[in-house]
Amino acid sequence: MRPEGFEEPLLRGHVAELAVAVVIGAASTAVVDRFAESWGPRWSTWWAAVVHSLVVLPTEALLERRTYGEEPGPPRGSP
C-alpha cells in the first residue's frame, strides 16, 4: 500500500526524466572519481562531502517541506 499522494514515476510516463537522471548520475560519478584520484590519500574527506551534499542536504530539505505540509508523507519527528 502506497502513501497518499505517491505515484510511481514510470507509471506517470516520465521515462525521459529517468534517462536524464541516469546520465547526470553517471557523469557526476565520473567527475567525482576524477577529483578523488587527484586528492590522493585524502579521498575520504572528498567522499564525505559528496555524500553529504547528495544525500543529507536533500533529505533535510524534504523533511523540512513535510513539516510545513508541502510534501506528502510523515512530518519530521512523527513516530
PDB file of N, CA and C in Angstrom:
ATOM      1  N   MET A   1       0.832  -1.177   0.000  1.00  0.00           N
ATOM      2  CA  MET A   1       0.000   0.000   0.000  1.00  0.00           C
ATOM      3  C   MET A   1       0.882   1.247   0.000  1.00  0.00           C
ATOM      4  N   ARG A   2       0.634   2.150  -0.906  1.00  0.00           N
ATOM      5  CA  ARG A   2       1.450   3.354  -1.032  1.00  0.00           C
ATOM      6  C   ARG A   2       0.841   4.503  -0.234  1.00  0.00           C
ATOM      7  N   PRO A   3       1.703   5.400   0.242  1.00  0.00           N
ATOM      8  CA  PRO A   3       1.187   6.566   0.950  1.00  0.00           C
ATOM      9  C   PRO A   3       0.340   7.438   0.025  1.00  0.00           C
ATOM     10  N   GLU A   4      -0.561   8.183   0.609  1.00  0.00           N
ATOM     11  CA  GLU A   4      -1.420   9.069  -0.166  1.00  0.00           C
ATOM     12  C   GLU A   4      -0.566  10.111  -0.895  1.00  0.00           C
ATOM     13  N   GLY A   5      -0.852  10.326  -2.159  1.00  0.00           N
ATOM     14  CA  GLY A   5      -0.105  11.300  -2.948  1.00  0.00           C
ATOM     15  C   GLY A   5       1.111  10.731  -3.645  1.00  0.00           C
ATOM     16  N   PHE A   6       1.421   9.462  -3.413  1.00  0.00           N
ATOM     17  CA  PHE A   6       2.595   8.851  -4.031  1.00  0.00           C
ATOM     18  C   PHE A   6       2.207   8.236  -5.360  1.00  0.00           C
ATOM     19  N   GLU A   7       2.999   8.525  -6.380  1.00  0.00           N
ATOM     20  CA  GLU A   7       2.790   7.902  -7.687  1.00  0.00           C
ATOM     21  C   GLU A   7       4.116   7.331  -8.164  1.00  0.00           C
ATOM     22  N   GLU A   8       4.051   6.208  -8.808  1.00  0.00           N
ATOM     23  CA  GLU A   8       5.244   5.592  -9.373  1.00  0.00           C
ATOM     24  C   GLU A   8       5.696   6.430 -10.564  1.00  0.00           C
ATOM     25  N   PRO A   9       6.968   6.902 -10.586  1.00  0.00           N
ATOM     26  CA  PRO A   9       7.413   7.771 -11.677  1.00  0.00           C
ATOM     27  C   PRO A   9       7.248   7.155 -13.065  1.00  0.00           C
ATOM     28  N   LEU A  10       7.541   5.858 -13.198  1.00  0.00           N
ATOM     29  CA  LEU A  10       7.434   5.245 -14.519  1.00  0.00           C
ATOM     30  C   LEU A  10       5.984   5.146 -14.972  1.00  0.00           C
ATOM     31  N   LEU A  11       5.064   4.996 -14.045  1.00  0.00           N
ATOM     32  CA  LEU A  11       3.657   4.928 -14.406  1.00  0.00           C
ATOM     33  C   LEU A  11       3.145   6.280 -14.884  1.00  0.00           C
ATOM     34  N   ARG A  12       3.786   7.352 -14.474  1.00  0.00           N
ATOM     35  CA  ARG A  12       3.376   8.679 -14.913  1.00  0.00           C
ATOM     36  C   ARG A  12       3.951   9.016 -16.284  1.00  0.00           C
ATOM     37  N   GLY A  13       4.800   8.169 -16.818  1.00  0.00           N
ATOM     38  CA  GLY A  13       5.334   8.385 -18.150  1.00  0.00           C
ATOM     39  C   GLY A  13       6.565   9.266 -18.198  1.00  0.00           C
ATOM     40  N   HIS A  14       7.310   9.339 -17.121  1.00  0.00           N
ATOM     41  CA  HIS A  14       8.487  10.198 -17.089  1.00  0.00           C
ATOM     42  C   HIS A  14       9.758   9.389 -17.351  1.00  0.00           C
ATOM     43  N   VAL A  15       9.726   8.592 -18.382  1.00  0.00           N
ATOM     44  CA  VAL A  15      10.887   7.765 -18.713  1.00  0.00           C
ATOM     45  C   VAL A  15      12.050   8.645 -19.148  1.00  0.00           C
ATOM     46  N   ALA A  16      11.758   9.737 -19.865  1.00  0.00           N
ATOM     47  CA  ALA A  16      12.815  10.649 -20.306  1.00  0.00           C
ATOM     48  C   ALA A  16      13.508  11.278 -19.104  1.00  0.00           C
ATOM     49  N   GLU A  17      12.747  11.645 -18.086  1.00  0.00           N
ATOM     50  CA  GLU A  17      13.352  12.222 -16.885  1.00  0.00           C
ATOM     51  C   GLU A  17      14.255  11.209 -16.194  1.00  0.00           C
ATOM     52  N   LEU A  18      13.831   9.959 -16.174  1.00  0.00           N
ATOM     53  CA  LEU A  18      14.644   8.909 -15.575  1.00  0.00           C
ATOM     54  C   LEU A  18      15.946   8.735 -16.354  1.00  0.00           C
ATOM     55  N   ALA A  19      15.862   8.761 -17.678  1.00  0.00           N
ATOM     56  CA  ALA A  19      17.060   8.623 -18.511  1.00  0.00           C
ATOM     57  C   ALA A  19      18.021   9.783 -18.268  1.00  0.00           C
ATOM     58  N   VAL A  20      17.494  10.990 -18.170  1.00  0.00           N
ATOM     59  CA  VAL A  20      18.341  12.157 -17.905  1.00  0.00           C
ATOM     60  C   VAL A  20      18.998  12.028 -16.538  1.00  0.00           C
ATOM     61  N   ALA A  21      18.249  11.557 -15.548  1.00  0.00           N
ATOM     62  CA  ALA A  21      18.811  11.381 -14.210  1.00  0.00           C
ATOM     63  C   ALA A  21      19.943  10.357 -14.218  1.00  0.00           C
ATOM     64  N   VAL A  22      19.788   9.287 -14.985  1.00  0.00           N
ATOM     65  CA  VAL A  22      20.837   8.266 -15.077  1.00  0.00           C
ATOM     66  C   VAL A  22      22.086   8.844 -15.734  1.00  0.00           C
ATOM     67  N   VAL A  23      21.904   9.623 -16.795  1.00  0.00           N
ATOM     68  CA  VAL A  23      23.050  10.234 -17.487  1.00  0.00           C
ATOM     69  C   VAL A  23      23.760  11.223 -16.565  1.00  0.00           C
ATOM     70  N   ILE A  24      22.989  12.055 -15.868  1.00  0.00           N
ATOM     71  CA  ILE A  24      23.596  13.019 -14.946  1.00  0.00           C
ATOM     72  C   ILE A  24      24.329  12.287 -13.826  1.00  0.00           C
ATOM     73  N   GLY A  25      23.742  11.214 -13.315  1.00  0.00           N
ATOM     74  CA  GLY A  25      24.393  10.438 -12.266  1.00  0.00           C
ATOM     75  C   GLY A  25      25.700   9.820 -12.733  1.00  0.00           C
ATOM     76  N   ALA A  26      25.697   9.283 -13.949  1.00  0.00           N
ATOM     77  CA  ALA A  26      26.926   8.686 -14.487  1.00  0.00           C
ATOM     78  C   ALA A  26      27.999   9.747 -14.698  1.00  0.00           C
ATOM     79  N   ALA A  27      27.606  10.901 -15.216  1.00  0.00           N
ATOM     80  CA  ALA A  27      28.573  11.973 -15.452  1.00  0.00           C
ATOM     81  C   ALA A  27      29.136  12.499 -14.136  1.00  0.00           C
ATOM     82  N   SER A  28      28.275  12.686 -13.148  1.00  0.00           N
ATOM     83  CA  SER A  28      28.767  13.198 -11.869  1.00  0.00           C
ATOM     84  C   SER A  28      29.666  12.175 -11.180  1.00  0.00           C
ATOM     85  N   THR A  29      29.369  10.893 -11.356  1.00  0.00           N
ATOM     86  CA  THR A  29      30.238   9.860 -10.794  1.00  0.00           C
ATOM     87  C   THR A  29      31.620   9.917 -11.430  1.00  0.00           C
ATOM     88  N   ALA A  30      31.670  10.123 -12.744  1.00  0.00           N
ATOM     89  CA  ALA A  30      32.959  10.229 -13.429  1.00  0.00           C
ATOM     90  C   ALA A  30      33.743  11.445 -12.933  1.00  0.00           C
ATOM     91  N   VAL A  31      33.057  12.558 -12.742  1.00  0.00           N
ATOM     92  CA  VAL A  31      33.728  13.769 -12.254  1.00  0.00           C
ATOM     93  C   VAL A  31      34.248  13.552 -10.836  1.00  0.00           C
ATOM     94  N   VAL A  32      33.428  12.957  -9.989  1.00  0.00           N
ATOM     95  CA  VAL A  32      33.844  12.708  -8.604  1.00  0.00           C
ATOM     96  C   VAL A  32      35.027  11.753  -8.571  1.00  0.00           C
ATOM     97  N   ASP A  33      35.012  10.723  -9.400  1.00  0.00           N
ATOM     98  CA  ASP A  33      36.145   9.796  -9.458  1.00  0.00           C
ATOM     99  C   ASP A  33      37.424  10.516  -9.871  1.00  0.00           C
ATOM    100  N   ARG A  34      37.300  11.422 -10.831  1.00  0.00           N
ATOM    101  CA  ARG A  34      38.478  12.173 -11.293  1.00  0.00           C
ATOM    102  C   ARG A  34      39.038  13.030 -10.154  1.00  0.00           C
ATOM    103  N   PHE A  35      38.159  13.729  -9.427  1.00  0.00           N
ATOM    104  CA  PHE A  35      38.622  14.548  -8.314  1.00  0.00           C
ATOM    105  C   PHE A  35      39.177  13.687  -7.186  1.00  0.00           C
ATOM    106  N   ALA A  36      38.562  12.541  -6.940  1.00  0.00           N
ATOM    107  CA  ALA A  36      39.028  11.666  -5.866  1.00  0.00           C
ATOM    108  C   ALA A  36      40.437  11.163  -6.157  1.00  0.00           C
ATOM    109  N   GLU A  37      40.730  10.890  -7.429  1.00  0.00           N
ATOM    110  CA  GLU A  37      42.079  10.456  -7.793  1.00  0.00           C
ATOM    111  C   GLU A  37      43.090  11.557  -7.515  1.00  0.00           C
ATOM    112  N   SER A  38      42.713  12.804  -7.789  1.00  0.00           N
ATOM    113  CA  SER A  38      43.656  13.902  -7.593  1.00  0.00           C
ATOM    114  C   SER A  38      43.857  14.218  -6.110  1.00  0.00           C
ATOM    115  N   TRP A  39      42.918  13.828  -5.255  1.00  0.00           N
ATOM    116  CA  TRP A  39      43.053  14.107  -3.830  1.00  0.00           C
ATOM    117  C   TRP A  39      43.993  13.129  -3.140  1.00  0.00           C
ATOM    118  N   GLY A  40      44.294  12.024  -3.776  1.00  0.00           N
ATOM    119  CA  GLY A  40      45.232  11.065  -3.210  1.00  0.00           C
ATOM    120  C   GLY A  40      44.748  10.477  -1.894  1.00  0.00           C
ATOM    121  N   PRO A  41      45.579  10.529  -0.845  1.00  0.00           N
ATOM    122  CA  PRO A  41      45.214   9.873   0.412  1.00  0.00           C
ATOM    123  C   PRO A  41      44.069  10.561   1.161  1.00  0.00           C
ATOM    124  N   ARG A  42      43.670  11.755   0.723  1.00  0.00           N
ATOM    125  CA  ARG A  42      42.590  12.462   1.418  1.00  0.00           C
ATOM    126  C   ARG A  42      41.243  12.221   0.753  1.00  0.00           C
ATOM    127  N   TRP A  43      41.100  11.152   0.015  1.00  0.00           N
ATOM    128  CA  TRP A  43      39.869  10.899  -0.732  1.00  0.00           C
ATOM    129  C   TRP A  43      38.660  10.744   0.169  1.00  0.00           C
ATOM    130  N   SER A  44      38.837  10.264   1.397  1.00  0.00           N
ATOM    131  CA  SER A  44      37.683  10.044   2.271  1.00  0.00           C
ATOM    132  C   SER A  44      36.989  11.360   2.626  1.00  0.00           C
ATOM    133  N   THR A  45      37.754  12.440   2.732  1.00  0.00           N
ATOM    134  CA  THR A  45      37.152  13.751   3.004  1.00  0.00           C
ATOM    135  C   THR A  45      36.290  14.178   1.833  1.00  0.00           C
ATOM    136  N   TRP A  46      36.785  13.958   0.631  1.00  0.00           N
ATOM    137  CA  TRP A  46      36.026  14.315  -0.562  1.00  0.00           C
ATOM    138  C   TRP A  46      34.724  13.521  -0.634  1.00  0.00           C
ATOM    139  N   TRP A  47      34.810  12.207  -0.403  1.00  0.00           N
ATOM    140  CA  TRP A  47      33.606  11.378  -0.466  1.00  0.00           C
ATOM    141  C   TRP A  47      32.603  11.763   0.611  1.00  0.00           C
ATOM    142  N   ALA A  48      33.090  12.126   1.780  1.00  0.00           N
ATOM    143  CA  ALA A  48      32.178  12.562   2.843  1.00  0.00           C
ATOM    144  C   ALA A  48      31.429  13.820   2.418  1.00  0.00           C
ATOM    145  N   ALA A  49      32.112  14.749   1.765  1.00  0.00           N
ATOM    146  CA  ALA A  49      31.460  15.970   1.286  1.00  0.00           C
ATOM    147  C   ALA A  49      30.445  15.655   0.192  1.00  0.00           C
ATOM    148  N   VAL A  50      30.790  14.735  -0.693  1.00  0.00           N
ATOM    149  CA  VAL A  50      29.875  14.362  -1.780  1.00  0.00           C
ATOM    150  C   VAL A  50      28.630  13.691  -1.215  1.00  0.00           C
ATOM    151  N   VAL A  51      28.808  12.746  -0.318  1.00  0.00           N
ATOM    152  CA  VAL A  51      27.662  12.055   0.274  1.00  0.00           C
ATOM    153  C   VAL A  51      26.784  13.045   1.032  1.00  0.00           C
ATOM    154  N   HIS A  52      27.403  13.945   1.746  1.00  0.00           N
ATOM    155  CA  HIS A  52      26.629  14.935   2.495  1.00  0.00           C
ATOM    156  C   HIS A  52      25.802  15.805   1.553  1.00  0.00           C
ATOM    157  N   SER A  53      26.397  16.251   0.451  1.00  0.00           N
ATOM    158  CA  SER A  53      25.665  17.141  -0.458  1.00  0.00           C
ATOM    159  C   SER A  53      24.614  16.402  -1.276  1.00  0.00           C
ATOM    160  N   LEU A  54      24.834  15.124  -1.569  1.00  0.00           N
ATOM    161  CA  LEU A  54      23.887  14.379  -2.397  1.00  0.00           C
ATOM    162  C   LEU A  54      22.802  13.658  -1.600  1.00  0.00           C
ATOM    163  N   VAL A  55      23.056  13.375  -0.326  1.00  0.00           N
ATOM    164  CA  VAL A  55      22.095  12.600   0.457  1.00  0.00           C
ATOM    165  C   VAL A  55      21.528  13.411   1.621  1.00  0.00           C
ATOM    166  N   VAL A  56      22.392  13.924   2.455  1.00  0.00           N
ATOM    167  CA  VAL A  56      21.937  14.554   3.690  1.00  0.00           C
ATOM    168  C   VAL A  56      21.178  15.845   3.417  1.00  0.00           C
ATOM    169  N   LEU A  57      21.721  16.730   2.589  1.00  0.00           N
ATOM    170  CA  LEU A  57      21.059  18.013   2.342  1.00  0.00           C
ATOM    171  C   LEU A  57      19.689  17.855   1.686  1.00  0.00           C
ATOM    172  N   PRO A  58      19.533  17.035   0.626  1.00  0.00           N
ATOM    173  CA  PRO A  58      18.188  16.851   0.068  1.00  0.00           C
ATOM    174  C   PRO A  58      17.215  16.196   1.049  1.00  0.00           C
ATOM    175  N   THR A  59      17.708  15.272   1.872  1.00  0.00           N
ATOM    176  CA  THR A  59      16.838  14.635   2.854  1.00  0.00           C
ATOM    177  C   THR A  59      16.352  15.653   3.879  1.00  0.00           C
ATOM    178  N   GLU A  60      17.247  16.514   4.331  1.00  0.00           N
ATOM    179  CA  GLU A  60      16.854  17.562   5.273  1.00  0.00           C
ATOM    180  C   GLU A  60      15.821  18.492   4.644  1.00  0.00           C
ATOM    181  N   ALA A  61      16.018  18.841   3.373  1.00  0.00           N
ATOM    182  CA  ALA A  61      15.063  19.719   2.690  1.00  0.00           C
ATOM    183  C   ALA A  61      13.702  19.042   2.562  1.00  0.00           C
ATOM    184  N   LEU A  62      13.686  17.753   2.238  1.00  0.00           N
ATOM    185  CA  LEU A  62      12.430  17.018   2.127  1.00  0.00           C
ATOM    186  C   LEU A  62      11.702  16.980   3.468  1.00  0.00           C
ATOM    187  N   LEU A  63      12.429  16.677   4.530  1.00  0.00           N
ATOM    188  CA  LEU A  63      11.805  16.635   5.847  1.00  0.00           C
ATOM    189  C   LEU A  63      11.273  18.008   6.248  1.00  0.00           C
ATOM    190  N   GLU A  64      11.976  19.060   5.869  1.00  0.00           N
ATOM    191  CA  GLU A  64      11.510  20.413   6.169  1.00  0.00           C
ATOM    192  C   GLU A  64      10.214  20.719   5.421  1.00  0.00           C
ATOM    193  N   ARG A  65      10.141  20.311   4.140  1.00  0.00           N
ATOM    194  CA  ARG A  65       8.913  20.533   3.368  1.00  0.00           C
ATOM    195  C   ARG A  65       7.761  19.716   3.939  1.00  0.00           C
ATOM    196  N   ARG A  66       8.033  18.515   4.413  1.00  0.00           N
ATOM    197  CA  ARG A  66       6.976  17.705   5.018  1.00  0.00           C
ATOM    198  C   ARG A  66       6.473  18.337   6.310  1.00  0.00           C
ATOM    199  N   THR A  67       7.361  18.973   7.049  1.00  0.00           N
ATOM    200  CA  THR A  67       6.966  19.629   8.290  1.00  0.00           C
ATOM    201  C   THR A  67       5.919  20.699   8.019  1.00  0.00           C
ATOM    202  N   TYR A  68       6.075  21.422   6.914  1.00  0.00           N
ATOM    203  CA  TYR A  68       5.148  22.504   6.582  1.00  0.00           C
ATOM    204  C   TYR A  68       4.023  22.053   5.660  1.00  0.00           C
ATOM    205  N   GLY A  69       3.913  20.734   5.420  1.00  0.00           N
ATOM    206  CA  GLY A  69       2.811  20.196   4.637  1.00  0.00           C
ATOM    207  C   GLY A  69       2.938  20.395   3.145  1.00  0.00           C
ATOM    208  N   GLU A  70       4.131  20.699   2.650  1.00  0.00           N
ATOM    209  CA  GLU A  70       4.330  20.907   1.218  1.00  0.00           C
ATOM    210  C   GLU A  70       4.580  19.604   0.468  1.00  0.00           C
ATOM    211  N   GLU A  71       4.918  18.526   1.183  1.00  0.00           N
ATOM    212  CA  GLU A  71       5.182  17.215   0.585  1.00  0.00           C
ATOM    213  C   GLU A  71       4.341  16.173   1.314  1.00  0.00           C
ATOM    214  N   PRO A  72       3.845  15.154   0.586  1.00  0.00           N
ATOM    215  CA  PRO A  72       3.131  14.085   1.278  1.00  0.00           C
ATOM    216  C   PRO A  72       4.094  13.235   2.102  1.00  0.00           C
ATOM    217  N   GLY A  73       3.591  12.670   3.151  1.00  0.00           N
ATOM    218  CA  GLY A  73       4.412  11.805   3.982  1.00  0.00           C
ATOM    219  C   GLY A  73       4.416  12.271   5.419  1.00  0.00           C
ATOM    220  N   PRO A  74       5.027  11.476   6.287  1.00  0.00           N
ATOM    221  CA  PRO A  74       5.028  11.837   7.708  1.00  0.00           C
ATOM    222  C   PRO A  74       5.931  13.039   7.962  1.00  0.00           C
ATOM    223  N   PRO A  75       5.514  13.959   8.823  1.00  0.00           N
ATOM    224  CA  PRO A  75       6.364  15.104   9.140  1.00  0.00           C
ATOM    225  C   PRO A  75       7.539  14.694  10.011  1.00  0.00           C
ATOM    226  N   ARG A  76       8.509  15.560  10.116  1.00  0.00           N
ATOM    227  CA  ARG A  76       9.689  15.308  10.933  1.00  0.00           C
ATOM    228  C   ARG A  76       9.268  15.111  12.386  1.00  0.00           C
ATOM    229  N   GLY A  77       9.839  14.117  13.018  1.00  0.00           N
ATOM    230  CA  GLY A  77       9.569  13.861  14.421  1.00  0.00           C
ATOM    231  C   GLY A  77       8.357  12.990  14.686  1.00  0.00           C
ATOM    232  N   SER A  78       7.653  12.557  13.635  1.00  0.00           N
ATOM    233  CA  SER A  78       6.497  11.694  13.872  1.00  0.00           C
ATOM    234  C   SER A  78       6.969  10.257  14.055  1.00  0.00           C
ATOM    235  N   PRO A  79       6.227   9.466  14.828  1.00  0.00           N
ATOM    236  CA  PRO A  79       6.671   8.084  15.090  1.00  0.00           C
ATOM    237  C   PRO A  79       6.582   7.199  13.879  1.00  0.00           C
TER     238      PRO A  79
END
